[in-house]
Amino acid sequence: MPKMKLVALTRPLPGREEEYHEWYNTTHLPELVNTFGMAGAQRYKLAAKLMGSDENEYMAIYDIEADDPMAFLGAMGEAAQSGKLTQSDAQDMGTCYTALFTEMGERVVPGD
C-alpha cells in the first residue's frame, strides 16, 4: 500500500490563537487520525523561514497509507462537508495550504 504524507500549512486568525491551538491539538488531529486510520500526525511551529512568502506559521504532517489517493481525499472532503469532522472558525482559511504527497523513492539515512 503506498505511503503518503498529507501536509497542512495553517495559521490562526489574529486574537484566536489559543482557541485555534486547542481545537487543532485536541480535536482536529485526533479526529483525522482516528476517522481515516492514519498511522499518525504531528504539528510543527515555524522556526525560521529560508525562502518564499508563505504566511503560515504552523505545519501538520499526517502519515497515511492508502491504495487510492483520490478516494482518500474524497472521503476526507465528504466527511468535512457532512459535518462528521469538527470545524473551527479560528483558523485563517484564506492562507491555509493542504496537499497530499505520495512516497517517491527510498528514504535516505546516514551512511547511504
PDB file of N, CA and C in Angstrom:
ATOM      1  N   MET A   1       0.857  -1.180   0.000  1.00  0.00           N
ATOM      2  CA  MET A   1       0.000   0.000   0.000  1.00  0.00           C
ATOM      3  C   MET A   1       0.901   1.241   0.000  1.00  0.00           C
ATOM      4  N   PRO A   2       0.663   2.185  -0.890  1.00  0.00           N
ATOM      5  CA  PRO A   2       1.507   3.390  -0.965  1.00  0.00           C
ATOM      6  C   PRO A   2       1.465   4.216   0.320  1.00  0.00           C
ATOM      7  N   LYS A   3       2.641   4.722   0.706  1.00  0.00           N
ATOM      8  CA  LYS A   3       2.735   5.615   1.857  1.00  0.00           C
ATOM      9  C   LYS A   3       2.662   7.047   1.352  1.00  0.00           C
ATOM     10  N   MET A   4       1.946   7.866   2.098  1.00  0.00           N
ATOM     11  CA  MET A   4       1.753   9.260   1.711  1.00  0.00           C
ATOM     12  C   MET A   4       1.902  10.169   2.922  1.00  0.00           C
ATOM     13  N   LYS A   5       2.093  11.432   2.640  1.00  0.00           N
ATOM     14  CA  LYS A   5       2.116  12.476   3.671  1.00  0.00           C
ATOM     15  C   LYS A   5       1.110  13.530   3.262  1.00  0.00           C
ATOM     16  N   LEU A   6       0.202  13.834   4.156  1.00  0.00           N
ATOM     17  CA  LEU A   6      -0.694  14.966   3.987  1.00  0.00           C
ATOM     18  C   LEU A   6      -0.058  16.106   4.763  1.00  0.00           C
ATOM     19  N   VAL A   7       0.196  17.219   4.089  1.00  0.00           N
ATOM     20  CA  VAL A   7       0.856  18.364   4.704  1.00  0.00           C
ATOM     21  C   VAL A   7      -0.127  19.527   4.730  1.00  0.00           C
ATOM     22  N   ALA A   8      -0.289  20.119   5.903  1.00  0.00           N
ATOM     23  CA  ALA A   8      -1.176  21.274   6.048  1.00  0.00           C
ATOM     24  C   ALA A   8      -0.384  22.424   6.663  1.00  0.00           C
ATOM     25  N   LEU A   9      -0.344  23.546   5.967  1.00  0.00           N
ATOM     26  CA  LEU A   9       0.265  24.772   6.479  1.00  0.00           C
ATOM     27  C   LEU A   9      -0.862  25.713   6.859  1.00  0.00           C
ATOM     28  N   THR A  10      -0.875  26.147   8.112  1.00  0.00           N
ATOM     29  CA  THR A  10      -2.003  26.931   8.618  1.00  0.00           C
ATOM     30  C   THR A  10      -1.539  28.017   9.576  1.00  0.00           C
ATOM     31  N   ARG A  11      -2.487  28.860   9.936  1.00  0.00           N
ATOM     32  CA  ARG A  11      -2.270  29.850  10.985  1.00  0.00           C
ATOM     33  C   ARG A  11      -3.622  30.230  11.571  1.00  0.00           C
ATOM     34  N   PRO A  12      -3.624  30.711  12.807  1.00  0.00           N
ATOM     35  CA  PRO A  12      -4.877  31.150  13.417  1.00  0.00           C
ATOM     36  C   PRO A  12      -5.241  32.565  12.979  1.00  0.00           C
ATOM     37  N   LEU A  13      -6.498  32.887  13.148  1.00  0.00           N
ATOM     38  CA  LEU A  13      -6.908  34.280  12.963  1.00  0.00           C
ATOM     39  C   LEU A  13      -6.347  35.100  14.117  1.00  0.00           C
ATOM     40  N   PRO A  14      -6.016  36.364  13.879  1.00  0.00           N
ATOM     41  CA  PRO A  14      -5.489  37.207  14.961  1.00  0.00           C
ATOM     42  C   PRO A  14      -6.432  37.228  16.162  1.00  0.00           C
ATOM     43  N   GLY A  15      -5.858  37.051  17.342  1.00  0.00           N
ATOM     44  CA  GLY A  15      -6.633  37.072  18.571  1.00  0.00           C
ATOM     45  C   GLY A  15      -7.322  35.756  18.900  1.00  0.00           C
ATOM     46  N   ARG A  16      -7.204  34.753  18.037  1.00  0.00           N
ATOM     47  CA  ARG A  16      -7.884  33.467  18.250  1.00  0.00           C
ATOM     48  C   ARG A  16      -6.886  32.320  18.436  1.00  0.00           C
ATOM     49  N   GLU A  17      -5.630  32.673  18.746  1.00  0.00           N
ATOM     50  CA  GLU A  17      -4.557  31.691  18.809  1.00  0.00           C
ATOM     51  C   GLU A  17      -4.835  30.545  19.779  1.00  0.00           C
ATOM     52  N   GLU A  18      -5.245  30.858  20.986  1.00  0.00           N
ATOM     53  CA  GLU A  18      -5.481  29.827  22.000  1.00  0.00           C
ATOM     54  C   GLU A  18      -6.581  28.853  21.558  1.00  0.00           C
ATOM     55  N   GLU A  19      -7.666  29.399  21.064  1.00  0.00           N
ATOM     56  CA  GLU A  19      -8.789  28.577  20.584  1.00  0.00           C
ATOM     57  C   GLU A  19      -8.360  27.684  19.420  1.00  0.00           C
ATOM     58  N   TYR A  20      -7.585  28.256  18.497  1.00  0.00           N
ATOM     59  CA  TYR A  20      -7.091  27.520  17.336  1.00  0.00           C
ATOM     60  C   TYR A  20      -6.215  26.338  17.757  1.00  0.00           C
ATOM     61  N   HIS A  21      -5.248  26.586  18.635  1.00  0.00           N
ATOM     62  CA  HIS A  21      -4.351  25.512  19.072  1.00  0.00           C
ATOM     63  C   HIS A  21      -5.096  24.431  19.855  1.00  0.00           C
ATOM     64  N   GLU A  22      -6.008  24.833  20.692  1.00  0.00           N
ATOM     65  CA  GLU A  22      -6.809  23.865  21.450  1.00  0.00           C
ATOM     66  C   GLU A  22      -7.590  22.958  20.500  1.00  0.00           C
ATOM     67  N   TRP A  23      -8.279  23.547  19.516  1.00  0.00           N
ATOM     68  CA  TRP A  23      -9.038  22.759  18.535  1.00  0.00           C
ATOM     69  C   TRP A  23      -8.113  21.853  17.737  1.00  0.00           C
ATOM     70  N   TYR A  24      -7.007  22.391  17.230  1.00  0.00           N
ATOM     71  CA  TYR A  24      -6.115  21.611  16.371  1.00  0.00           C
ATOM     72  C   TYR A  24      -5.522  20.422  17.124  1.00  0.00           C
ATOM     73  N   ASN A  25      -5.037  20.667  18.342  1.00  0.00           N
ATOM     74  CA  ASN A  25      -4.358  19.626  19.112  1.00  0.00           C
ATOM     75  C   ASN A  25      -5.289  18.585  19.719  1.00  0.00           C
ATOM     76  N   THR A  26      -6.442  19.018  20.220  1.00  0.00           N
ATOM     77  CA  THR A  26      -7.298  18.082  20.959  1.00  0.00           C
ATOM     78  C   THR A  26      -8.494  17.561  20.168  1.00  0.00           C
ATOM     79  N   THR A  27      -8.820  18.225  19.058  1.00  0.00           N
ATOM     80  CA  THR A  27      -9.971  17.789  18.255  1.00  0.00           C
ATOM     81  C   THR A  27      -9.557  17.382  16.846  1.00  0.00           C
ATOM     82  N   HIS A  28      -8.964  18.302  16.110  1.00  0.00           N
ATOM     83  CA  HIS A  28      -8.700  18.082  14.687  1.00  0.00           C
ATOM     84  C   HIS A  28      -7.739  16.911  14.424  1.00  0.00           C
ATOM     85  N   LEU A  29      -6.548  16.944  15.027  1.00  0.00           N
ATOM     86  CA  LEU A  29      -5.600  15.848  14.796  1.00  0.00           C
ATOM     87  C   LEU A  29      -6.190  14.494  15.182  1.00  0.00           C
ATOM     88  N   PRO A  30      -6.731  14.336  16.396  1.00  0.00           N
ATOM     89  CA  PRO A  30      -7.299  13.026  16.749  1.00  0.00           C
ATOM     90  C   PRO A  30      -8.453  12.596  15.845  1.00  0.00           C
ATOM     91  N   GLU A  31      -9.313  13.537  15.442  1.00  0.00           N
ATOM     92  CA  GLU A  31     -10.423  13.169  14.547  1.00  0.00           C
ATOM     93  C   GLU A  31      -9.907  12.627  13.222  1.00  0.00           C
ATOM     94  N   LEU A  32      -8.968  13.317  12.620  1.00  0.00           N
ATOM     95  CA  LEU A  32      -8.456  12.868  11.325  1.00  0.00           C
ATOM     96  C   LEU A  32      -7.739  11.526  11.447  1.00  0.00           C
ATOM     97  N   VAL A  33      -6.867  11.396  12.430  1.00  0.00           N
ATOM     98  CA  VAL A  33      -6.109  10.151  12.607  1.00  0.00           C
ATOM     99  C   VAL A  33      -7.052   8.976  12.846  1.00  0.00           C
ATOM    100  N   ASN A  34      -8.025   9.155  13.715  1.00  0.00           N
ATOM    101  CA  ASN A  34      -8.919   8.048  14.067  1.00  0.00           C
ATOM    102  C   ASN A  34     -10.008   7.787  13.039  1.00  0.00           C
ATOM    103  N   THR A  35     -10.499   8.799  12.385  1.00  0.00           N
ATOM    104  CA  THR A  35     -11.555   8.615  11.389  1.00  0.00           C
ATOM    105  C   THR A  35     -11.034   7.940  10.130  1.00  0.00           C
ATOM    106  N   PHE A  36      -9.805   8.263   9.745  1.00  0.00           N
ATOM    107  CA  PHE A  36      -9.285   7.782   8.472  1.00  0.00           C
ATOM    108  C   PHE A  36      -8.169   6.750   8.611  1.00  0.00           C
ATOM    109  N   GLY A  37      -7.975   6.226   9.821  1.00  0.00           N
ATOM    110  CA  GLY A  37      -6.993   5.170  10.027  1.00  0.00           C
ATOM    111  C   GLY A  37      -5.574   5.568   9.683  1.00  0.00           C
ATOM    112  N   MET A  38      -5.237   6.817   9.933  1.00  0.00           N
ATOM    113  CA  MET A  38      -3.878   7.283   9.660  1.00  0.00           C
ATOM    114  C   MET A  38      -2.902   6.644  10.640  1.00  0.00           C
ATOM    115  N   ALA A  39      -1.641   6.544  10.222  1.00  0.00           N
ATOM    116  CA  ALA A  39      -0.608   5.977  11.090  1.00  0.00           C
ATOM    117  C   ALA A  39      -0.226   6.958  12.196  1.00  0.00           C
ATOM    118  N   GLY A  40      -0.486   8.239  11.990  1.00  0.00           N
ATOM    119  CA  GLY A  40      -0.171   9.249  12.992  1.00  0.00           C
ATOM    120  C   GLY A  40      -0.146  10.633  12.380  1.00  0.00           C
ATOM    121  N   ALA A  41       0.045  11.624  13.231  1.00  0.00           N
ATOM    122  CA  ALA A  41       0.121  13.015  12.795  1.00  0.00           C
ATOM    123  C   ALA A  41       0.875  13.807  13.850  1.00  0.00           C
ATOM    124  N   GLN A  42       1.506  14.881  13.412  1.00  0.00           N
ATOM    125  CA  GLN A  42       2.231  15.740  14.336  1.00  0.00           C
ATOM    126  C   GLN A  42       2.239  17.160  13.807  1.00  0.00           C
ATOM    127  N   ARG A  43       2.208  18.126  14.731  1.00  0.00           N
ATOM    128  CA  ARG A  43       2.257  19.543  14.365  1.00  0.00           C
ATOM    129  C   ARG A  43       3.633  20.117  14.618  1.00  0.00           C
ATOM    130  N   TYR A  44       3.946  21.178  13.853  1.00  0.00           N
ATOM    131  CA  TYR A  44       5.217  21.867  13.977  1.00  0.00           C
ATOM    132  C   TYR A  44       4.984  23.366  13.924  1.00  0.00           C
ATOM    133  N   LYS A  45       5.856  24.128  14.599  1.00  0.00           N
ATOM    134  CA  LYS A  45       5.819  25.595  14.558  1.00  0.00           C
ATOM    135  C   LYS A  45       7.034  26.070  13.776  1.00  0.00           C
ATOM    136  N   LEU A  46       6.825  27.045  12.919  1.00  0.00           N
ATOM    137  CA  LEU A  46       7.898  27.604  12.112  1.00  0.00           C
ATOM    138  C   LEU A  46       9.026  28.121  13.003  1.00  0.00           C
ATOM    139  N   ALA A  47      10.244  27.675  12.727  1.00  0.00           N
ATOM    140  CA  ALA A  47      11.419  28.126  13.476  1.00  0.00           C
ATOM    141  C   ALA A  47      12.183  29.197  12.707  1.00  0.00           C
ATOM    142  N   ALA A  48      12.257  29.056  11.386  1.00  0.00           N
ATOM    143  CA  ALA A  48      12.969  30.031  10.552  1.00  0.00           C
ATOM    144  C   ALA A  48      12.492  29.892   9.123  1.00  0.00           C
ATOM    145  N   LYS A  49      12.322  30.997   8.452  1.00  0.00           N
ATOM    146  CA  LYS A  49      11.902  30.993   7.044  1.00  0.00           C
ATOM    147  C   LYS A  49      13.141  31.146   6.176  1.00  0.00           C
ATOM    148  N   LEU A  50      13.332  30.212   5.257  1.00  0.00           N
ATOM    149  CA  LEU A  50      14.510  30.238   4.396  1.00  0.00           C
ATOM    150  C   LEU A  50      14.256  30.927   3.069  1.00  0.00           C
ATOM    151  N   MET A  51      13.075  30.672   2.492  1.00  0.00           N
ATOM    152  CA  MET A  51      12.726  31.327   1.231  1.00  0.00           C
ATOM    153  C   MET A  51      11.222  31.233   1.031  1.00  0.00           C
ATOM    154  N   GLY A  52      10.701  32.047   0.158  1.00  0.00           N
ATOM    155  CA  GLY A  52       9.272  32.036  -0.106  1.00  0.00           C
ATOM    156  C   GLY A  52       8.538  33.068   0.723  1.00  0.00           C
ATOM    157  N   SER A  53       7.240  33.180   0.440  1.00  0.00           N
ATOM    158  CA  SER A  53       6.455  34.220   1.108  1.00  0.00           C
ATOM    159  C   SER A  53       5.224  33.668   1.816  1.00  0.00           C
ATOM    160  N   ASP A  54       5.207  32.385   2.113  1.00  0.00           N
ATOM    161  CA  ASP A  54       4.064  31.799   2.806  1.00  0.00           C
ATOM    162  C   ASP A  54       3.923  32.426   4.190  1.00  0.00           C
ATOM    163  N   GLU A  55       2.692  32.776   4.566  1.00  0.00           N
ATOM    164  CA  GLU A  55       2.435  33.448   5.834  1.00  0.00           C
ATOM    165  C   GLU A  55       2.087  32.488   6.966  1.00  0.00           C
ATOM    166  N   ASN A  56       1.962  31.209   6.676  1.00  0.00           N
ATOM    167  CA  ASN A  56       1.546  30.243   7.690  1.00  0.00           C
ATOM    168  C   ASN A  56       2.691  29.922   8.642  1.00  0.00           C
ATOM    169  N   GLU A  57       2.356  29.887   9.936  1.00  0.00           N
ATOM    170  CA  GLU A  57       3.348  29.632  10.982  1.00  0.00           C
ATOM    171  C   GLU A  57       3.376  28.171  11.432  1.00  0.00           C
ATOM    172  N   TYR A  58       2.348  27.411  11.092  1.00  0.00           N
ATOM    173  CA  TYR A  58       2.226  26.059  11.624  1.00  0.00           C
ATOM    174  C   TYR A  58       2.074  25.046  10.501  1.00  0.00           C
ATOM    175  N   MET A  59       2.606  23.860  10.755  1.00  0.00           N
ATOM    176  CA  MET A  59       2.520  22.772   9.795  1.00  0.00           C
ATOM    177  C   MET A  59       2.090  21.514  10.539  1.00  0.00           C
ATOM    178  N   ALA A  60       1.229  20.758   9.901  1.00  0.00           N
ATOM    179  CA  ALA A  60       0.870  19.432  10.410  1.00  0.00           C
ATOM    180  C   ALA A  60       1.212  18.435   9.310  1.00  0.00           C
ATOM    181  N   ILE A  61       1.809  17.314   9.704  1.00  0.00           N
ATOM    182  CA  ILE A  61       2.129  16.247   8.767  1.00  0.00           C
ATOM    183  C   ILE A  61       1.413  14.996   9.229  1.00  0.00           C
ATOM    184  N   TYR A  62       0.606  14.444   8.333  1.00  0.00           N
ATOM    185  CA  TYR A  62      -0.181  13.250   8.615  1.00  0.00           C
ATOM    186  C   TYR A  62       0.405  12.081   7.829  1.00  0.00           C
ATOM    187  N   ASP A  63       0.633  10.956   8.496  1.00  0.00           N
ATOM    188  CA  ASP A  63       1.168   9.749   7.865  1.00  0.00           C
ATOM    189  C   ASP A  63       0.018   8.855   7.425  1.00  0.00           C
ATOM    190  N   ILE A  64      -0.029   8.578   6.117  1.00  0.00           N
ATOM    191  CA  ILE A  64      -1.168   7.889   5.525  1.00  0.00           C
ATOM    192  C   ILE A  64      -0.686   6.736   4.661  1.00  0.00           C
ATOM    193  N   GLU A  65      -1.433   5.649   4.679  1.00  0.00           N
ATOM    194  CA  GLU A  65      -1.242   4.555   3.728  1.00  0.00           C
ATOM    195  C   GLU A  65      -2.601   4.301   3.094  1.00  0.00           C
ATOM    196  N   ALA A  66      -2.672   4.411   1.770  1.00  0.00           N
ATOM    197  CA  ALA A  66      -3.939   4.225   1.057  1.00  0.00           C
ATOM    198  C   ALA A  66      -3.645   3.778  -0.370  1.00  0.00           C
ATOM    199  N   ASP A  67      -4.488   2.901  -0.883  1.00  0.00           N
ATOM    200  CA  ASP A  67      -4.319   2.419  -2.251  1.00  0.00           C
ATOM    201  C   ASP A  67      -4.666   3.484  -3.286  1.00  0.00           C
ATOM    202  N   ASP A  68      -5.659   4.314  -2.985  1.00  0.00           N
ATOM    203  CA  ASP A  68      -6.146   5.296  -3.947  1.00  0.00           C
ATOM    204  C   ASP A  68      -6.132   6.691  -3.320  1.00  0.00           C
ATOM    205  N   PRO A  69      -5.118   7.510  -3.628  1.00  0.00           N
ATOM    206  CA  PRO A  69      -5.030   8.845  -3.028  1.00  0.00           C
ATOM    207  C   PRO A  69      -6.270   9.707  -3.258  1.00  0.00           C
ATOM    208  N   MET A  70      -6.839   9.655  -4.456  1.00  0.00           N
ATOM    209  CA  MET A  70      -8.005  10.496  -4.740  1.00  0.00           C
ATOM    210  C   MET A  70      -9.230  10.032  -3.966  1.00  0.00           C
ATOM    211  N   ALA A  71      -9.398   8.733  -3.796  1.00  0.00           N
ATOM    212  CA  ALA A  71     -10.510   8.222  -2.986  1.00  0.00           C
ATOM    213  C   ALA A  71     -10.331   8.646  -1.532  1.00  0.00           C
ATOM    214  N   PHE A  72      -9.098   8.608  -1.068  1.00  0.00           N
ATOM    215  CA  PHE A  72      -8.810   9.045   0.304  1.00  0.00           C
ATOM    216  C   PHE A  72      -9.192  10.507   0.495  1.00  0.00           C
ATOM    217  N   LEU A  73      -8.743  11.367  -0.434  1.00  0.00           N
ATOM    218  CA  LEU A  73      -9.087  12.789  -0.348  1.00  0.00           C
ATOM    219  C   LEU A  73     -10.587  13.006  -0.466  1.00  0.00           C
ATOM    220  N   GLY A  74     -11.243  12.227  -1.322  1.00  0.00           N
ATOM    221  CA  GLY A  74     -12.692  12.326  -1.468  1.00  0.00           C
ATOM    222  C   GLY A  74     -13.411  11.997  -0.171  1.00  0.00           C
ATOM    223  N   ALA A  75     -12.950  10.963   0.519  1.00  0.00           N
ATOM    224  CA  ALA A  75     -13.556  10.585   1.797  1.00  0.00           C
ATOM    225  C   ALA A  75     -13.363  11.679   2.836  1.00  0.00           C
ATOM    226  N   MET A  76     -12.192  12.314   2.830  1.00  0.00           N
ATOM    227  CA  MET A  76     -11.953  13.415   3.764  1.00  0.00           C
ATOM    228  C   MET A  76     -12.878  14.591   3.453  1.00  0.00           C
ATOM    229  N   GLY A  77     -12.995  14.931   2.175  1.00  0.00           N
ATOM    230  CA  GLY A  77     -13.869  16.033   1.784  1.00  0.00           C
ATOM    231  C   GLY A  77     -15.322  15.766   2.127  1.00  0.00           C
ATOM    232  N   GLU A  78     -15.756  14.538   1.895  1.00  0.00           N
ATOM    233  CA  GLU A  78     -17.136  14.160   2.211  1.00  0.00           C
ATOM    234  C   GLU A  78     -17.394  14.257   3.713  1.00  0.00           C
ATOM    235  N   ALA A  79     -16.445  13.797   4.523  1.00  0.00           N
ATOM    236  CA  ALA A  79     -16.600  13.866   5.976  1.00  0.00           C
ATOM    237  C   ALA A  79     -16.671  15.315   6.452  1.00  0.00           C
ATOM    238  N   ALA A  80     -15.858  16.173   5.857  1.00  0.00           N
ATOM    239  CA  ALA A  80     -15.881  17.594   6.235  1.00  0.00           C
ATOM    240  C   ALA A  80     -17.205  18.237   5.845  1.00  0.00           C
ATOM    241  N   GLN A  81     -17.683  17.954   4.636  1.00  0.00           N
ATOM    242  CA  GLN A  81     -18.933  18.549   4.149  1.00  0.00           C
ATOM    243  C   GLN A  81     -20.156  18.055   4.913  1.00  0.00           C
ATOM    244  N   SER A  82     -20.119  16.801   5.347  1.00  0.00           N
ATOM    245  CA  SER A  82     -21.283  16.222   6.028  1.00  0.00           C
ATOM    246  C   SER A  82     -21.337  16.556   7.509  1.00  0.00           C
ATOM    247  N   GLY A  83     -20.296  17.210   8.037  1.00  0.00           N
ATOM    248  CA  GLY A  83     -20.280  17.570   9.444  1.00  0.00           C
ATOM    249  C   GLY A  83     -19.705  16.490  10.352  1.00  0.00           C
ATOM    250  N   LYS A  84     -19.131  15.442   9.777  1.00  0.00           N
ATOM    251  CA  LYS A  84     -18.524  14.380  10.589  1.00  0.00           C
ATOM    252  C   LYS A  84     -17.224  14.838  11.234  1.00  0.00           C
ATOM    253  N   LEU A  85     -16.641  15.898  10.716  1.00  0.00           N
ATOM    254  CA  LEU A  85     -15.425  16.467  11.290  1.00  0.00           C
ATOM    255  C   LEU A  85     -15.755  17.813  11.924  1.00  0.00           C
ATOM    256  N   THR A  86     -15.193  18.056  13.084  1.00  0.00           N
ATOM    257  CA  THR A  86     -15.431  19.301  13.806  1.00  0.00           C
ATOM    258  C   THR A  86     -14.608  20.418  13.166  1.00  0.00           C
ATOM    259  N   GLN A  87     -15.276  21.443  12.691  1.00  0.00           N
ATOM    260  CA  GLN A  87     -14.607  22.580  12.059  1.00  0.00           C
ATOM    261  C   GLN A  87     -14.340  23.670  13.097  1.00  0.00           C
ATOM    262  N   SER A  88     -13.417  24.559  12.787  1.00  0.00           N
ATOM    263  CA  SER A  88     -13.144  25.703  13.647  1.00  0.00           C
ATOM    264  C   SER A  88     -13.071  26.956  12.792  1.00  0.00           C
ATOM    265  N   ASP A  89     -13.691  28.024  13.266  1.00  0.00           N
ATOM    266  CA  ASP A  89     -13.604  29.290  12.541  1.00  0.00           C
ATOM    267  C   ASP A  89     -12.445  30.145  13.073  1.00  0.00           C
ATOM    268  N   ALA A  90     -11.583  29.539  13.911  1.00  0.00           N
ATOM    269  CA  ALA A  90     -10.421  30.249  14.439  1.00  0.00           C
ATOM    270  C   ALA A  90      -9.219  30.132  13.497  1.00  0.00           C
ATOM    271  N   GLN A  91      -9.326  29.270  12.484  1.00  0.00           N
ATOM    272  CA  GLN A  91      -8.244  29.085  11.518  1.00  0.00           C
ATOM    273  C   GLN A  91      -8.411  30.067  10.368  1.00  0.00           C
ATOM    274  N   ASP A  92      -7.306  30.647   9.928  1.00  0.00           N
ATOM    275  CA  ASP A  92      -7.333  31.563   8.788  1.00  0.00           C
ATOM    276  C   ASP A  92      -7.402  30.729   7.514  1.00  0.00           C
ATOM    277  N   MET A  93      -8.585  30.523   6.978  1.00  0.00           N
ATOM    278  CA  MET A  93      -8.767  29.688   5.791  1.00  0.00           C
ATOM    279  C   MET A  93      -8.257  30.376   4.525  1.00  0.00           C
ATOM    280  N   GLY A  94      -8.033  31.675   4.590  1.00  0.00           N
ATOM    281  CA  GLY A  94      -7.526  32.404   3.436  1.00  0.00           C
ATOM    282  C   GLY A  94      -6.064  32.120   3.124  1.00  0.00           C
ATOM    283  N   THR A  95      -5.328  31.586   4.099  1.00  0.00           N
ATOM    284  CA  THR A  95      -3.912  31.287   3.876  1.00  0.00           C
ATOM    285  C   THR A  95      -3.599  29.792   3.949  1.00  0.00           C
ATOM    286  N   CYS A  96      -4.560  28.990   4.314  1.00  0.00           N
ATOM    287  CA  CYS A  96      -4.347  27.552   4.500  1.00  0.00           C
ATOM    288  C   CYS A  96      -3.884  26.879   3.203  1.00  0.00           C
ATOM    289  N   TYR A  97      -2.896  26.003   3.329  1.00  0.00           N
ATOM    290  CA  TYR A  97      -2.392  25.227   2.191  1.00  0.00           C
ATOM    291  C   TYR A  97      -2.350  23.771   2.627  1.00  0.00           C
ATOM    292  N   THR A  98      -3.014  22.901   1.890  1.00  0.00           N
ATOM    293  CA  THR A  98      -3.025  21.478   2.203  1.00  0.00           C
ATOM    294  C   THR A  98      -2.754  20.702   0.929  1.00  0.00           C
ATOM    295  N   ALA A  99      -1.853  19.714   1.007  1.00  0.00           N
ATOM    296  CA  ALA A  99      -1.516  18.913  -0.158  1.00  0.00           C
ATOM    297  C   ALA A  99      -1.170  17.494   0.273  1.00  0.00           C
ATOM    298  N   LEU A 100      -1.436  16.548  -0.609  1.00  0.00           N
ATOM    299  CA  LEU A 100      -1.133  15.143  -0.363  1.00  0.00           C
ATOM    300  C   LEU A 100       0.023  14.728  -1.263  1.00  0.00           C
ATOM    301  N   PHE A 101       1.033  14.142  -0.660  1.00  0.00           N
ATOM    302  CA  PHE A 101       2.218  13.701  -1.381  1.00  0.00           C
ATOM    303  C   PHE A 101       2.361  12.193  -1.260  1.00  0.00           C
ATOM    304  N   THR A 102       2.694  11.530  -2.376  1.00  0.00           N
ATOM    305  CA  THR A 102       2.962  10.095  -2.328  1.00  0.00           C
ATOM    306  C   THR A 102       4.471   9.883  -2.242  1.00  0.00           C
ATOM    307  N   GLU A 103       4.837   8.798  -1.576  1.00  0.00           N
ATOM    308  CA  GLU A 103       6.243   8.469  -1.407  1.00  0.00           C
ATOM    309  C   GLU A 103       6.903   8.272  -2.773  1.00  0.00           C
ATOM    310  N   MET A 104       8.118   8.800  -2.899  1.00  0.00           N
ATOM    311  CA  MET A 104       8.833   8.702  -4.169  1.00  0.00           C
ATOM    312  C   MET A 104      10.267   8.326  -3.867  1.00  0.00           C
ATOM    313  N   GLY A 105      10.623   7.093  -4.086  1.00  0.00           N
ATOM    314  CA  GLY A 105      11.963   6.631  -3.794  1.00  0.00           C
ATOM    315  C   GLY A 105      12.099   6.172  -2.355  1.00  0.00           C
ATOM    316  N   GLU A 106      13.257   5.656  -2.063  1.00  0.00           N
ATOM    317  CA  GLU A 106      13.541   5.138  -0.727  1.00  0.00           C
ATOM    318  C   GLU A 106      14.006   6.255   0.199  1.00  0.00           C
ATOM    319  N   ARG A 107      13.779   6.071   1.483  1.00  0.00           N
ATOM    320  CA  ARG A 107      14.234   7.025   2.495  1.00  0.00           C
ATOM    321  C   ARG A 107      15.754   6.951   2.578  1.00  0.00           C
ATOM    322  N   VAL A 108      16.410   8.099   2.622  1.00  0.00           N
ATOM    323  CA  VAL A 108      17.854   8.174   2.749  1.00  0.00           C
ATOM    324  C   VAL A 108      18.195   8.346   4.229  1.00  0.00           C
ATOM    325  N   VAL A 109      19.098   7.523   4.706  1.00  0.00           N
ATOM    326  CA  VAL A 109      19.527   7.589   6.113  1.00  0.00           C
ATOM    327  C   VAL A 109      21.051   7.740   6.136  1.00  0.00           C
ATOM    328  N   PRO A 110      21.616   8.162   7.259  1.00  0.00           N
ATOM    329  CA  PRO A 110      23.071   8.317   7.334  1.00  0.00           C
ATOM    330  C   PRO A 110      23.784   7.028   6.895  1.00  0.00           C
ATOM    331  N   GLY A 111      24.856   7.222   6.149  1.00  0.00           N
ATOM    332  CA  GLY A 111      25.630   6.089   5.668  1.00  0.00           C
ATOM    333  C   GLY A 111      25.237   5.640   4.279  1.00  0.00           C
ATOM    334  N   ASP A 112      24.122   6.186   3.745  1.00  0.00           N
ATOM    335  CA  ASP A 112      23.698   5.823   2.376  1.00  0.00           C
ATOM    336  C   ASP A 112      24.569   6.538   1.358  1.00  0.00           C
TER     337      ASP A 112
END
